[in-house]
């Protein structure tokens, strides 16, 4: 038997109590849009490498570029995307700009994704 066909419900009964309960507890659309942008930003392997590196240490663009064997402008482009989604932040020290994770939620988000893809 085809497993894909087993995944579809063949009933036509709407469980109104369940639908009403779930509908009242669904996450707001504006928050879902922000979450989609967050996951979109993290959907790029290079940006994930940057997040992974920044989990280990605060770094400047030059350090990240050297680590990832990329140009500074290419790294800066990815950093801008990560900043816009509030995944990373920066601080200036003279002429040097250091990047780090924005808050304590970012590393567990990365780790959860890693654990999920590593199981089985």
PDB file of N, CA and C in Angstrom:
ATOM      1  N   UNK A   1       0.843  -1.179   0.000  1.00  0.00           N
ATOM      2  CA  UNK A   1       0.000   0.000   0.000  1.00  0.00           C
ATOM      3  C   UNK A   1       0.889   1.244   0.000  1.00  0.00           C
ATOM      4  N   UNK A   2       0.487   2.266  -0.709  1.00  0.00           N
ATOM      5  CA  UNK A   2       1.237   3.512  -0.839  1.00  0.00           C
ATOM      6  C   UNK A   2       1.138   4.326   0.447  1.00  0.00           C
ATOM      7  N   UNK A   3       2.276   4.579   1.087  1.00  0.00           N
ATOM      8  CA  UNK A   3       2.275   5.330   2.351  1.00  0.00           C
ATOM      9  C   UNK A   3       1.796   6.757   2.175  1.00  0.00           C
ATOM     10  N   UNK A   4       2.058   7.366   1.023  1.00  0.00           N
ATOM     11  CA  UNK A   4       1.606   8.729   0.792  1.00  0.00           C
ATOM     12  C   UNK A   4       0.089   8.808   0.822  1.00  0.00           C
ATOM     13  N   UNK A   5      -0.580   7.835   0.268  1.00  0.00           N
ATOM     14  CA  UNK A   5      -2.042   7.825   0.276  1.00  0.00           C
ATOM     15  C   UNK A   5      -2.584   7.607   1.679  1.00  0.00           C
ATOM     16  N   UNK A   6      -1.858   6.890   2.518  1.00  0.00           N
ATOM     17  CA  UNK A   6      -2.280   6.662   3.900  1.00  0.00           C
ATOM     18  C   UNK A   6      -2.274   7.949   4.719  1.00  0.00           C
ATOM     19  N   UNK A   7      -1.519   8.935   4.282  1.00  0.00           N
ATOM     20  CA  UNK A   7      -1.386  10.173   5.043  1.00  0.00           C
ATOM     21  C   UNK A   7      -2.562  11.121   4.848  1.00  0.00           C
ATOM     22  N   UNK A   8      -3.465  10.818   3.941  1.00  0.00           N
ATOM     23  CA  UNK A   8      -4.604  11.690   3.679  1.00  0.00           C
ATOM     24  C   UNK A   8      -5.848  11.180   4.388  1.00  0.00           C
ATOM     25  N   UNK A   9      -6.586  12.112   4.965  1.00  0.00           N
ATOM     26  CA  UNK A   9      -7.819  11.795   5.663  1.00  0.00           C
ATOM     27  C   UNK A   9      -8.932  11.597   4.640  1.00  0.00           C
ATOM     28  N   UNK A  10      -9.692  10.551   4.787  1.00  0.00           N
ATOM     29  CA  UNK A  10     -10.781  10.297   3.842  1.00  0.00           C
ATOM     30  C   UNK A  10     -12.145  10.653   4.420  1.00  0.00           C
ATOM     31  N   UNK A  11     -12.158  11.190   5.628  1.00  0.00           N
ATOM     32  CA  UNK A  11     -13.442  11.557   6.233  1.00  0.00           C
ATOM     33  C   UNK A  11     -13.890  12.938   5.752  1.00  0.00           C
ATOM     34  N   UNK A  12     -15.171  13.199   5.886  1.00  0.00           N
ATOM     35  CA  UNK A  12     -15.728  14.498   5.487  1.00  0.00           C
ATOM     36  C   UNK A  12     -16.353  15.216   6.675  1.00  0.00           C
ATOM     37  N   UNK A  13     -16.153  14.683   7.867  1.00  0.00           N
ATOM     38  CA  UNK A  13     -16.724  15.265   9.078  1.00  0.00           C
ATOM     39  C   UNK A  13     -15.778  16.345   9.599  1.00  0.00           C
ATOM     40  N   UNK A  14     -16.324  17.538   9.848  1.00  0.00           N
ATOM     41  CA  UNK A  14     -15.535  18.609  10.451  1.00  0.00           C
ATOM     42  C   UNK A  14     -15.729  18.527  11.957  1.00  0.00           C
ATOM     43  N   UNK A  15     -14.629  18.455  12.677  1.00  0.00           N
ATOM     44  CA  UNK A  15     -14.677  18.406  14.137  1.00  0.00           C
ATOM     45  C   UNK A  15     -14.672  19.854  14.639  1.00  0.00           C
ATOM     46  N   UNK A  16     -15.854  20.444  14.688  1.00  0.00           N
ATOM     47  CA  UNK A  16     -15.992  21.872  14.971  1.00  0.00           C
ATOM     48  C   UNK A  16     -15.370  22.285  16.294  1.00  0.00           C
ATOM     49  N   UNK A  17     -15.486  21.477  17.325  1.00  0.00           N
ATOM     50  CA  UNK A  17     -14.920  21.821  18.628  1.00  0.00           C
ATOM     51  C   UNK A  17     -13.396  21.918  18.547  1.00  0.00           C
ATOM     52  N   UNK A  18     -12.782  20.994  17.830  1.00  0.00           N
ATOM     53  CA  UNK A  18     -11.325  21.005  17.667  1.00  0.00           C
ATOM     54  C   UNK A  18     -10.901  22.223  16.844  1.00  0.00           C
ATOM     55  N   UNK A  19     -11.596  22.467  15.733  1.00  0.00           N
ATOM     56  CA  UNK A  19     -11.259  23.595  14.865  1.00  0.00           C
ATOM     57  C   UNK A  19     -11.406  24.911  15.626  1.00  0.00           C
ATOM     58  N   UNK A  20     -12.484  25.080  16.357  1.00  0.00           N
ATOM     59  CA  UNK A  20     -12.726  26.302  17.135  1.00  0.00           C
ATOM     60  C   UNK A  20     -11.629  26.504  18.190  1.00  0.00           C
ATOM     61  N   UNK A  21     -11.279  25.428  18.893  1.00  0.00           N
ATOM     62  CA  UNK A  21     -10.240  25.498  19.926  1.00  0.00           C
ATOM     63  C   UNK A  21      -8.888  25.887  19.319  1.00  0.00           C
ATOM     64  N   UNK A  22      -8.514  25.236  18.236  1.00  0.00           N
ATOM     65  CA  UNK A  22      -7.226  25.519  17.596  1.00  0.00           C
ATOM     66  C   UNK A  22      -7.221  26.934  17.024  1.00  0.00           C
ATOM     67  N   UNK A  23      -8.296  27.322  16.369  1.00  0.00           N
ATOM     68  CA  UNK A  23      -8.376  28.665  15.771  1.00  0.00           C
ATOM     69  C   UNK A  23      -8.189  29.755  16.819  1.00  0.00           C
ATOM     70  N   UNK A  24      -8.743  29.562  17.991  1.00  0.00           N
ATOM     71  CA  UNK A  24      -8.623  30.579  19.046  1.00  0.00           C
ATOM     72  C   UNK A  24      -7.210  30.669  19.617  1.00  0.00           C
ATOM     73  N   UNK A  25      -6.394  29.640  19.363  1.00  0.00           N
ATOM     74  CA  UNK A  25      -5.046  29.602  19.939  1.00  0.00           C
ATOM     75  C   UNK A  25      -3.935  29.738  18.913  1.00  0.00           C
ATOM     76  N   UNK A  26      -4.292  29.914  17.640  1.00  0.00           N
ATOM     77  CA  UNK A  26      -3.275  30.056  16.597  1.00  0.00           C
ATOM     78  C   UNK A  26      -2.426  31.307  16.814  1.00  0.00           C
ATOM     79  N   UNK A  27      -1.178  31.233  16.414  1.00  0.00           N
ATOM     80  CA  UNK A  27      -0.266  32.365  16.488  1.00  0.00           C
ATOM     81  C   UNK A  27      -0.715  33.437  15.506  1.00  0.00           C
ATOM     82  N   UNK A  28      -0.561  34.702  15.913  1.00  0.00           N
ATOM     83  CA  UNK A  28      -0.984  35.818  15.068  1.00  0.00           C
ATOM     84  C   UNK A  28      -0.176  35.867  13.779  1.00  0.00           C
ATOM     85  N   UNK A  29      -0.830  36.320  12.709  1.00  0.00           N
ATOM     86  CA  UNK A  29      -0.229  36.386  11.375  1.00  0.00           C
ATOM     87  C   UNK A  29       1.061  37.213  11.367  1.00  0.00           C
ATOM     88  N   UNK A  30       1.077  38.341  12.074  1.00  0.00           N
ATOM     89  CA  UNK A  30       2.280  39.190  12.068  1.00  0.00           C
ATOM     90  C   UNK A  30       3.475  38.456  12.668  1.00  0.00           C
ATOM     91  N   UNK A  31       3.239  37.673  13.695  1.00  0.00           N
ATOM     92  CA  UNK A  31       4.322  36.902  14.307  1.00  0.00           C
ATOM     93  C   UNK A  31       4.765  35.777  13.385  1.00  0.00           C
ATOM     94  N   UNK A  32       3.817  35.159  12.677  1.00  0.00           N
ATOM     95  CA  UNK A  32       4.164  34.100  11.731  1.00  0.00           C
ATOM     96  C   UNK A  32       5.024  34.643  10.600  1.00  0.00           C
ATOM     97  N   UNK A  33       4.722  35.848  10.151  1.00  0.00           N
ATOM     98  CA  UNK A  33       5.523  36.475   9.092  1.00  0.00           C
ATOM     99  C   UNK A  33       6.945  36.712   9.579  1.00  0.00           C
ATOM    100  N   UNK A  34       7.085  37.215  10.809  1.00  0.00           N
ATOM    101  CA  UNK A  34       8.420  37.432  11.377  1.00  0.00           C
ATOM    102  C   UNK A  34       9.175  36.108  11.516  1.00  0.00           C
ATOM    103  N   UNK A  35       8.472  35.063  11.930  1.00  0.00           N
ATOM    104  CA  UNK A  35       9.111  33.751  12.065  1.00  0.00           C
ATOM    105  C   UNK A  35       9.553  33.224  10.706  1.00  0.00           C
ATOM    106  N   UNK A  36       8.731  33.428   9.689  1.00  0.00           N
ATOM    107  CA  UNK A  36       9.097  32.980   8.334  1.00  0.00           C
ATOM    108  C   UNK A  36      10.348  33.707   7.866  1.00  0.00           C
ATOM    109  N   UNK A  37      10.457  35.000   8.155  1.00  0.00           N
ATOM    110  CA  UNK A  37      11.650  35.766   7.788  1.00  0.00           C
ATOM    111  C   UNK A  37      12.871  35.244   8.539  1.00  0.00           C
ATOM    112  N   UNK A  38      12.686  34.908   9.807  1.00  0.00           N
ATOM    113  CA  UNK A  38      13.774  34.344  10.608  1.00  0.00           C
ATOM    114  C   UNK A  38      14.267  33.036   9.999  1.00  0.00           C
ATOM    115  N   UNK A  39      13.343  32.129   9.694  1.00  0.00           N
ATOM    116  CA  UNK A  39      13.735  30.843   9.121  1.00  0.00           C
ATOM    117  C   UNK A  39      14.307  31.009   7.719  1.00  0.00           C
ATOM    118  N   UNK A  40      13.814  31.972   6.981  1.00  0.00           N
ATOM    119  CA  UNK A  40      14.365  32.239   5.647  1.00  0.00           C
ATOM    120  C   UNK A  40      15.820  32.691   5.769  1.00  0.00           C
ATOM    121  N   UNK A  41      16.087  33.569   6.739  1.00  0.00           N
ATOM    122  CA  UNK A  41      17.459  34.038   6.954  1.00  0.00           C
ATOM    123  C   UNK A  41      18.374  32.887   7.344  1.00  0.00           C
ATOM    124  N   UNK A  42      17.849  31.945   8.104  1.00  0.00           N
ATOM    125  CA  UNK A  42      18.657  30.813   8.553  1.00  0.00           C
ATOM    126  C   UNK A  42      18.663  29.664   7.548  1.00  0.00           C
ATOM    127  N   UNK A  43      18.016  29.845   6.405  1.00  0.00           N
ATOM    128  CA  UNK A  43      17.945  28.754   5.432  1.00  0.00           C
ATOM    129  C   UNK A  43      19.170  28.691   4.524  1.00  0.00           C
ATOM    130  N   UNK A  44      20.095  29.599   4.697  1.00  0.00           N
ATOM    131  CA  UNK A  44      21.296  29.640   3.869  1.00  0.00           C
ATOM    132  C   UNK A  44      22.469  29.020   4.639  1.00  0.00           C
ATOM    133  N   UNK A  45      23.158  28.032   4.060  1.00  0.00           N
ATOM    134  CA  UNK A  45      24.271  27.387   4.766  1.00  0.00           C
ATOM    135  C   UNK A  45      25.375  28.354   5.194  1.00  0.00           C
ATOM    136  N   UNK A  46      25.653  29.365   4.390  1.00  0.00           N
ATOM    137  CA  UNK A  46      26.695  30.329   4.766  1.00  0.00           C
ATOM    138  C   UNK A  46      26.272  31.116   6.006  1.00  0.00           C
ATOM    139  N   UNK A  47      25.030  31.537   6.059  1.00  0.00           N
ATOM    140  CA  UNK A  47      24.563  32.271   7.234  1.00  0.00           C
ATOM    141  C   UNK A  47      24.554  31.367   8.458  1.00  0.00           C
ATOM    142  N   UNK A  48      24.232  30.094   8.255  1.00  0.00           N
ATOM    143  CA  UNK A  48      24.299  29.157   9.380  1.00  0.00           C
ATOM    144  C   UNK A  48      25.736  28.992   9.872  1.00  0.00           C
ATOM    145  N   UNK A  49      26.709  28.983   8.957  1.00  0.00           N
ATOM    146  CA  UNK A  49      28.119  28.918   9.364  1.00  0.00           C
ATOM    147  C   UNK A  49      28.493  30.148  10.179  1.00  0.00           C
ATOM    148  N   UNK A  50      27.991  31.297   9.769  1.00  0.00           N
ATOM    149  CA  UNK A  50      28.283  32.534  10.501  1.00  0.00           C
ATOM    150  C   UNK A  50      27.678  32.460  11.894  1.00  0.00           C
ATOM    151  N   UNK A  51      26.436  32.035  12.003  1.00  0.00           N
ATOM    152  CA  UNK A  51      25.791  31.891  13.316  1.00  0.00           C
ATOM    153  C   UNK A  51      26.579  30.905  14.158  1.00  0.00           C
ATOM    154  N   UNK A  52      26.973  29.787  13.567  1.00  0.00           N
ATOM    155  CA  UNK A  52      27.746  28.785  14.280  1.00  0.00           C
ATOM    156  C   UNK A  52      29.059  29.366  14.800  1.00  0.00           C
ATOM    157  N   UNK A  53      29.748  30.115  13.966  1.00  0.00           N
ATOM    158  CA  UNK A  53      31.013  30.735  14.385  1.00  0.00           C
ATOM    159  C   UNK A  53      30.778  31.733  15.515  1.00  0.00           C
ATOM    160  N   UNK A  54      29.707  32.527  15.402  1.00  0.00           N
ATOM    161  CA  UNK A  54      29.436  33.539  16.419  1.00  0.00           C
ATOM    162  C   UNK A  54      28.921  32.927  17.720  1.00  0.00           C
ATOM    163  N   UNK A  55      28.475  31.687  17.665  1.00  0.00           N
ATOM    164  CA  UNK A  55      28.136  30.969  18.905  1.00  0.00           C
ATOM    165  C   UNK A  55      29.411  30.708  19.703  1.00  0.00           C
ATOM    166  N   UNK A  56      30.526  30.597  18.994  1.00  0.00           N
ATOM    167  CA  UNK A  56      31.793  30.235  19.620  1.00  0.00           C
ATOM    168  C   UNK A  56      32.612  31.445  20.045  1.00  0.00           C
ATOM    169  N   UNK A  57      32.448  32.560  19.305  1.00  0.00           N
ATOM    170  CA  UNK A  57      33.221  33.756  19.627  1.00  0.00           C
ATOM    171  C   UNK A  57      32.682  34.966  18.888  1.00  0.00           C
ATOM    172  N   UNK A  58      32.816  36.111  19.508  1.00  0.00           N
ATOM    173  CA  UNK A  58      32.565  37.381  18.827  1.00  0.00           C
ATOM    174  C   UNK A  58      33.645  37.522  17.749  1.00  0.00           C
ATOM    175  N   UNK A  59      33.267  38.025  16.567  1.00  0.00           N
ATOM    176  CA  UNK A  59      34.232  38.113  15.476  1.00  0.00           C
ATOM    177  C   UNK A  59      33.983  39.356  14.636  1.00  0.00           C
ATOM    178  N   UNK A  60      35.037  39.840  13.978  1.00  0.00           N
ATOM    179  CA  UNK A  60      34.890  40.949  13.038  1.00  0.00           C
ATOM    180  C   UNK A  60      34.711  40.378  11.628  1.00  0.00           C
ATOM    181  N   UNK A  61      34.333  41.234  10.691  1.00  0.00           N
ATOM    182  CA  UNK A  61      34.090  40.811   9.313  1.00  0.00           C
ATOM    183  C   UNK A  61      35.321  40.133   8.726  1.00  0.00           C
ATOM    184  N   UNK A  62      36.490  40.706   8.960  1.00  0.00           N
ATOM    185  CA  UNK A  62      37.731  40.139   8.400  1.00  0.00           C
ATOM    186  C   UNK A  62      37.963  38.716   8.904  1.00  0.00           C
ATOM    187  N   UNK A  63      37.721  38.496  10.194  1.00  0.00           N
ATOM    188  CA  UNK A  63      37.891  37.159  10.772  1.00  0.00           C
ATOM    189  C   UNK A  63      36.918  36.165  10.145  1.00  0.00           C
ATOM    190  N   UNK A  64      35.661  36.579  10.021  1.00  0.00           N
ATOM    191  CA  UNK A  64      34.642  35.705   9.441  1.00  0.00           C
ATOM    192  C   UNK A  64      34.976  35.405   7.977  1.00  0.00           C
ATOM    193  N   UNK A  65      35.378  36.431   7.243  1.00  0.00           N
ATOM    194  CA  UNK A  65      35.726  36.248   5.824  1.00  0.00           C
ATOM    195  C   UNK A  65      36.889  35.265   5.685  1.00  0.00           C
ATOM    196  N   UNK A  66      37.904  35.415   6.523  1.00  0.00           N
ATOM    197  CA  UNK A  66      39.052  34.510   6.473  1.00  0.00           C
ATOM    198  C   UNK A  66      38.627  33.089   6.830  1.00  0.00           C
ATOM    199  N   UNK A  67      37.837  32.955   7.881  1.00  0.00           N
ATOM    200  CA  UNK A  67      37.368  31.644   8.332  1.00  0.00           C
ATOM    201  C   UNK A  67      36.578  30.925   7.238  1.00  0.00           C
ATOM    202  N   UNK A  68      35.701  31.653   6.556  1.00  0.00           N
ATOM    203  CA  UNK A  68      34.824  31.044   5.556  1.00  0.00           C
ATOM    204  C   UNK A  68      35.374  31.105   4.133  1.00  0.00           C
ATOM    205  N   UNK A  69      36.586  31.662   4.001  1.00  0.00           N
ATOM    206  CA  UNK A  69      37.217  31.808   2.683  1.00  0.00           C
ATOM    207  C   UNK A  69      36.307  32.576   1.720  1.00  0.00           C
ATOM    208  N   UNK A  70      35.847  33.734   2.199  1.00  0.00           N
ATOM    209  CA  UNK A  70      34.953  34.599   1.430  1.00  0.00           C
ATOM    210  C   UNK A  70      35.511  36.015   1.430  1.00  0.00           C
ATOM    211  N   UNK A  71      34.956  36.861   0.582  1.00  0.00           N
ATOM    212  CA  UNK A  71      35.352  38.269   0.585  1.00  0.00           C
ATOM    213  C   UNK A  71      34.600  39.004   1.695  1.00  0.00           C
ATOM    214  N   UNK A  72      35.165  40.112   2.126  1.00  0.00           N
ATOM    215  CA  UNK A  72      34.521  40.941   3.132  1.00  0.00           C
ATOM    216  C   UNK A  72      33.133  41.410   2.715  1.00  0.00           C
ATOM    217  N   UNK A  73      32.991  41.925   1.466  1.00  0.00           N
ATOM    218  CA  UNK A  73      31.660  42.353   1.024  1.00  0.00           C
ATOM    219  C   UNK A  73      30.629  41.217   1.014  1.00  0.00           C
ATOM    220  N   UNK A  74      31.044  40.013   0.649  1.00  0.00           N
ATOM    221  CA  UNK A  74      30.115  38.877   0.640  1.00  0.00           C
ATOM    222  C   UNK A  74      29.660  38.550   2.062  1.00  0.00           C
ATOM    223  N   UNK A  75      30.601  38.571   2.994  1.00  0.00           N
ATOM    224  CA  UNK A  75      30.263  38.321   4.395  1.00  0.00           C
ATOM    225  C   UNK A  75      29.353  39.430   4.914  1.00  0.00           C
ATOM    226  N   UNK A  76      29.675  40.671   4.581  1.00  0.00           N
ATOM    227  CA  UNK A  76      28.861  41.801   5.028  1.00  0.00           C
ATOM    228  C   UNK A  76      27.413  41.681   4.553  1.00  0.00           C
ATOM    229  N   UNK A  77      27.238  41.184   3.333  1.00  0.00           N
ATOM    230  CA  UNK A  77      25.887  40.976   2.801  1.00  0.00           C
ATOM    231  C   UNK A  77      25.105  39.997   3.684  1.00  0.00           C
ATOM    232  N   UNK A  78      25.736  38.902   4.066  1.00  0.00           N
ATOM    233  CA  UNK A  78      25.086  37.909   4.930  1.00  0.00           C
ATOM    234  C   UNK A  78      24.853  38.479   6.331  1.00  0.00           C
ATOM    235  N   UNK A  79      25.811  39.238   6.833  1.00  0.00           N
ATOM    236  CA  UNK A  79      25.652  39.835   8.156  1.00  0.00           C
ATOM    237  C   UNK A  79      24.468  40.799   8.186  1.00  0.00           C
ATOM    238  N   UNK A  80      24.273  41.539   7.104  1.00  0.00           N
ATOM    239  CA  UNK A  80      23.146  42.468   7.026  1.00  0.00           C
ATOM    240  C   UNK A  80      21.823  41.709   7.144  1.00  0.00           C
ATOM    241  N   UNK A  81      21.711  40.593   6.438  1.00  0.00           N
ATOM    242  CA  UNK A  81      20.499  39.782   6.508  1.00  0.00           C
ATOM    243  C   UNK A  81      20.273  39.266   7.925  1.00  0.00           C
ATOM    244  N   UNK A  82      21.321  38.795   8.561  1.00  0.00           N
ATOM    245  CA  UNK A  82      21.213  38.285   9.926  1.00  0.00           C
ATOM    246  C   UNK A  82      20.863  39.392  10.918  1.00  0.00           C
ATOM    247  N   UNK A  83      21.403  40.575  10.695  1.00  0.00           N
ATOM    248  CA  UNK A  83      21.070  41.727  11.556  1.00  0.00           C
ATOM    249  C   UNK A  83      19.614  42.129  11.410  1.00  0.00           C
ATOM    250  N   UNK A  84      19.119  42.139  10.180  1.00  0.00           N
ATOM    251  CA  UNK A  84      17.743  42.547   9.928  1.00  0.00           C
ATOM    252  C   UNK A  84      16.741  41.634  10.633  1.00  0.00           C
ATOM    253  N   UNK A  85      17.099  40.391  10.822  1.00  0.00           N
ATOM    254  CA  UNK A  85      16.226  39.442  11.523  1.00  0.00           C
ATOM    255  C   UNK A  85      16.556  39.349  13.003  1.00  0.00           C
ATOM    256  N   UNK A  86      17.410  40.221  13.465  1.00  0.00           N
ATOM    257  CA  UNK A  86      17.814  40.286  14.870  1.00  0.00           C
ATOM    258  C   UNK A  86      18.428  38.980  15.377  1.00  0.00           C
ATOM    259  N   UNK A  87      19.165  38.318  14.482  1.00  0.00           N
ATOM    260  CA  UNK A  87      19.902  37.132  14.879  1.00  0.00           C
ATOM    261  C   UNK A  87      21.279  37.494  15.419  1.00  0.00           C
ATOM    262  N   UNK A  88      21.843  38.587  14.910  1.00  0.00           N
ATOM    263  CA  UNK A  88      23.148  39.045  15.380  1.00  0.00           C
ATOM    264  C   UNK A  88      23.088  40.537  15.667  1.00  0.00           C
ATOM    265  N   UNK A  89      24.083  40.992  16.407  1.00  0.00           N
ATOM    266  CA  UNK A  89      24.237  42.419  16.702  1.00  0.00           C
ATOM    267  C   UNK A  89      25.706  42.759  16.540  1.00  0.00           C
ATOM    268  N   UNK A  90      26.021  44.039  16.617  1.00  0.00           N
ATOM    269  CA  UNK A  90      27.420  44.435  16.499  1.00  0.00           C
ATOM    270  C   UNK A  90      27.751  45.514  17.512  1.00  0.00           C
ATOM    271  N   UNK A  91      29.045  45.649  17.725  1.00  0.00           N
ATOM    272  CA  UNK A  91      29.569  46.732  18.567  1.00  0.00           C
ATOM    273  C   UNK A  91      30.849  47.226  17.921  1.00  0.00           C
ATOM    274  N   UNK A  92      31.098  48.519  18.071  1.00  0.00           N
ATOM    275  CA  UNK A  92      32.317  49.106  17.512  1.00  0.00           C
ATOM    276  C   UNK A  92      33.354  49.255  18.600  1.00  0.00           C
ATOM    277  N   UNK A  93      34.584  48.971  18.216  1.00  0.00           N
ATOM    278  CA  UNK A  93      35.731  49.200  19.093  1.00  0.00           C
ATOM    279  C   UNK A  93      36.761  49.918  18.237  1.00  0.00           C
ATOM    280  N   UNK A  94      36.731  51.256  18.267  1.00  0.00           N
ATOM    281  CA  UNK A  94      37.570  52.039  17.374  1.00  0.00           C
ATOM    282  C   UNK A  94      37.073  51.860  15.949  1.00  0.00           C
ATOM    283  N   UNK A  95      37.958  51.400  15.082  1.00  0.00           N
ATOM    284  CA  UNK A  95      37.584  51.184  13.678  1.00  0.00           C
ATOM    285  C   UNK A  95      37.074  49.775  13.415  1.00  0.00           C
ATOM    286  N   UNK A  96      37.153  48.910  14.409  1.00  0.00           N
ATOM    287  CA  UNK A  96      36.762  47.510  14.230  1.00  0.00           C
ATOM    288  C   UNK A  96      35.326  47.309  14.699  1.00  0.00           C
ATOM    289  N   UNK A  97      34.568  46.575  13.891  1.00  0.00           N
ATOM    290  CA  UNK A  97      33.188  46.228  14.232  1.00  0.00           C
ATOM    291  C   UNK A  97      33.148  44.741  14.547  1.00  0.00           C
ATOM    292  N   UNK A  98      32.699  44.425  15.753  1.00  0.00           N
ATOM    293  CA  UNK A  98      32.609  43.037  16.193  1.00  0.00           C
ATOM    294  C   UNK A  98      31.160  42.580  16.171  1.00  0.00           C
ATOM    295  N   UNK A  99      30.943  41.375  15.693  1.00  0.00           N
ATOM    296  CA  UNK A  99      29.604  40.784  15.615  1.00  0.00           C
ATOM    297  C   UNK A  99      29.473  39.669  16.635  1.00  0.00           C
ATOM    298  N   UNK A 100      28.262  39.535  17.161  1.00  0.00           N
ATOM    299  CA  UNK A 100      27.945  38.466  18.102  1.00  0.00           C
ATOM    300  C   UNK A 100      26.467  38.116  17.952  1.00  0.00           C
ATOM    301  N   UNK A 101      26.057  37.041  18.597  1.00  0.00           N
ATOM    302  CA  UNK A 101      24.647  36.669  18.564  1.00  0.00           C
ATOM    303  C   UNK A 101      23.836  37.739  19.281  1.00  0.00           C
ATOM    304  N   UNK A 102      22.629  37.983  18.813  1.00  0.00           N
ATOM    305  CA  UNK A 102      21.790  39.052  19.355  1.00  0.00           C
ATOM    306  C   UNK A 102      21.323  38.773  20.776  1.00  0.00           C
ATOM    307  N   UNK A 103      20.935  37.537  21.068  1.00  0.00           N
ATOM    308  CA  UNK A 103      20.480  37.212  22.417  1.00  0.00           C
ATOM    309  C   UNK A 103      20.611  35.710  22.677  1.00  0.00           C
ATOM    310  N   UNK A 104      20.144  35.286  23.845  1.00  0.00           N
ATOM    311  CA  UNK A 104      20.332  33.899  24.271  1.00  0.00           C
ATOM    312  C   UNK A 104      19.421  32.904  23.548  1.00  0.00           C
ATOM    313  N   UNK A 105      18.499  33.366  22.711  1.00  0.00           N
ATOM    314  CA  UNK A 105      17.598  32.451  22.001  1.00  0.00           C
ATOM    315  C   UNK A 105      18.212  31.866  20.730  1.00  0.00           C
ATOM    316  N   UNK A 106      19.246  32.493  20.221  1.00  0.00           N
ATOM    317  CA  UNK A 106      19.774  32.119  18.908  1.00  0.00           C
ATOM    318  C   UNK A 106      20.520  30.783  18.950  1.00  0.00           C
ATOM    319  N   UNK A 107      21.411  30.610  19.902  1.00  0.00           N
ATOM    320  CA  UNK A 107      22.184  29.359  19.988  1.00  0.00           C
ATOM    321  C   UNK A 107      21.271  28.145  20.167  1.00  0.00           C
ATOM    322  N   UNK A 108      20.277  28.186  21.066  1.00  0.00           N
ATOM    323  CA  UNK A 108      19.388  27.021  21.186  1.00  0.00           C
ATOM    324  C   UNK A 108      18.599  26.739  19.903  1.00  0.00           C
ATOM    325  N   UNK A 109      18.243  27.787  19.165  1.00  0.00           N
ATOM    326  CA  UNK A 109      17.546  27.613  17.891  1.00  0.00           C
ATOM    327  C   UNK A 109      18.436  26.834  16.920  1.00  0.00           C
ATOM    328  N   UNK A 110      19.704  27.223  16.842  1.00  0.00           N
ATOM    329  CA  UNK A 110      20.675  26.524  15.993  1.00  0.00           C
ATOM    330  C   UNK A 110      20.839  25.071  16.468  1.00  0.00           C
ATOM    331  N   UNK A 111      21.015  24.903  17.776  1.00  0.00           N
ATOM    332  CA  UNK A 111      21.246  23.564  18.338  1.00  0.00           C
ATOM    333  C   UNK A 111      20.053  22.644  18.117  1.00  0.00           C
ATOM    334  N   UNK A 112      18.840  23.182  18.257  1.00  0.00           N
ATOM    335  CA  UNK A 112      17.634  22.378  18.025  1.00  0.00           C
ATOM    336  C   UNK A 112      17.582  21.899  16.574  1.00  0.00           C
ATOM    337  N   UNK A 113      17.887  22.797  15.653  1.00  0.00           N
ATOM    338  CA  UNK A 113      17.908  22.416  14.240  1.00  0.00           C
ATOM    339  C   UNK A 113      18.948  21.347  13.974  1.00  0.00           C
ATOM    340  N   UNK A 114      20.124  21.527  14.569  1.00  0.00           N
ATOM    341  CA  UNK A 114      21.200  20.542  14.397  1.00  0.00           C
ATOM    342  C   UNK A 114      20.797  19.175  14.955  1.00  0.00           C
ATOM    343  N   UNK A 115      20.213  19.186  16.143  1.00  0.00           N
ATOM    344  CA  UNK A 115      19.781  17.926  16.762  1.00  0.00           C
ATOM    345  C   UNK A 115      18.705  17.243  15.913  1.00  0.00           C
ATOM    346  N   UNK A 116      17.811  18.041  15.364  1.00  0.00           N
ATOM    347  CA  UNK A 116      16.740  17.485  14.550  1.00  0.00           C
ATOM    348  C   UNK A 116      17.284  16.780  13.308  1.00  0.00           C
ATOM    349  N   UNK A 117      18.212  17.433  12.606  1.00  0.00           N
ATOM    350  CA  UNK A 117      18.752  16.825  11.380  1.00  0.00           C
ATOM    351  C   UNK A 117      19.747  15.705  11.684  1.00  0.00           C
ATOM    352  N   UNK A 118      20.249  15.633  12.913  1.00  0.00           N
ATOM    353  CA  UNK A 118      21.239  14.617  13.276  1.00  0.00           C
ATOM    354  C   UNK A 118      20.620  13.331  13.798  1.00  0.00           C
ATOM    355  N   UNK A 119      19.335  13.361  14.148  1.00  0.00           N
ATOM    356  CA  UNK A 119      18.733  12.144  14.698  1.00  0.00           C
ATOM    357  C   UNK A 119      18.442  11.143  13.588  1.00  0.00           C
ATOM    358  N   UNK A 120      18.433   9.906  13.949  1.00  0.00           N
ATOM    359  CA  UNK A 120      18.174   8.746  13.076  1.00  0.00           C
ATOM    360  C   UNK A 120      19.331   8.420  12.250  1.00  0.00           C
TER     361      UNK A 120
END
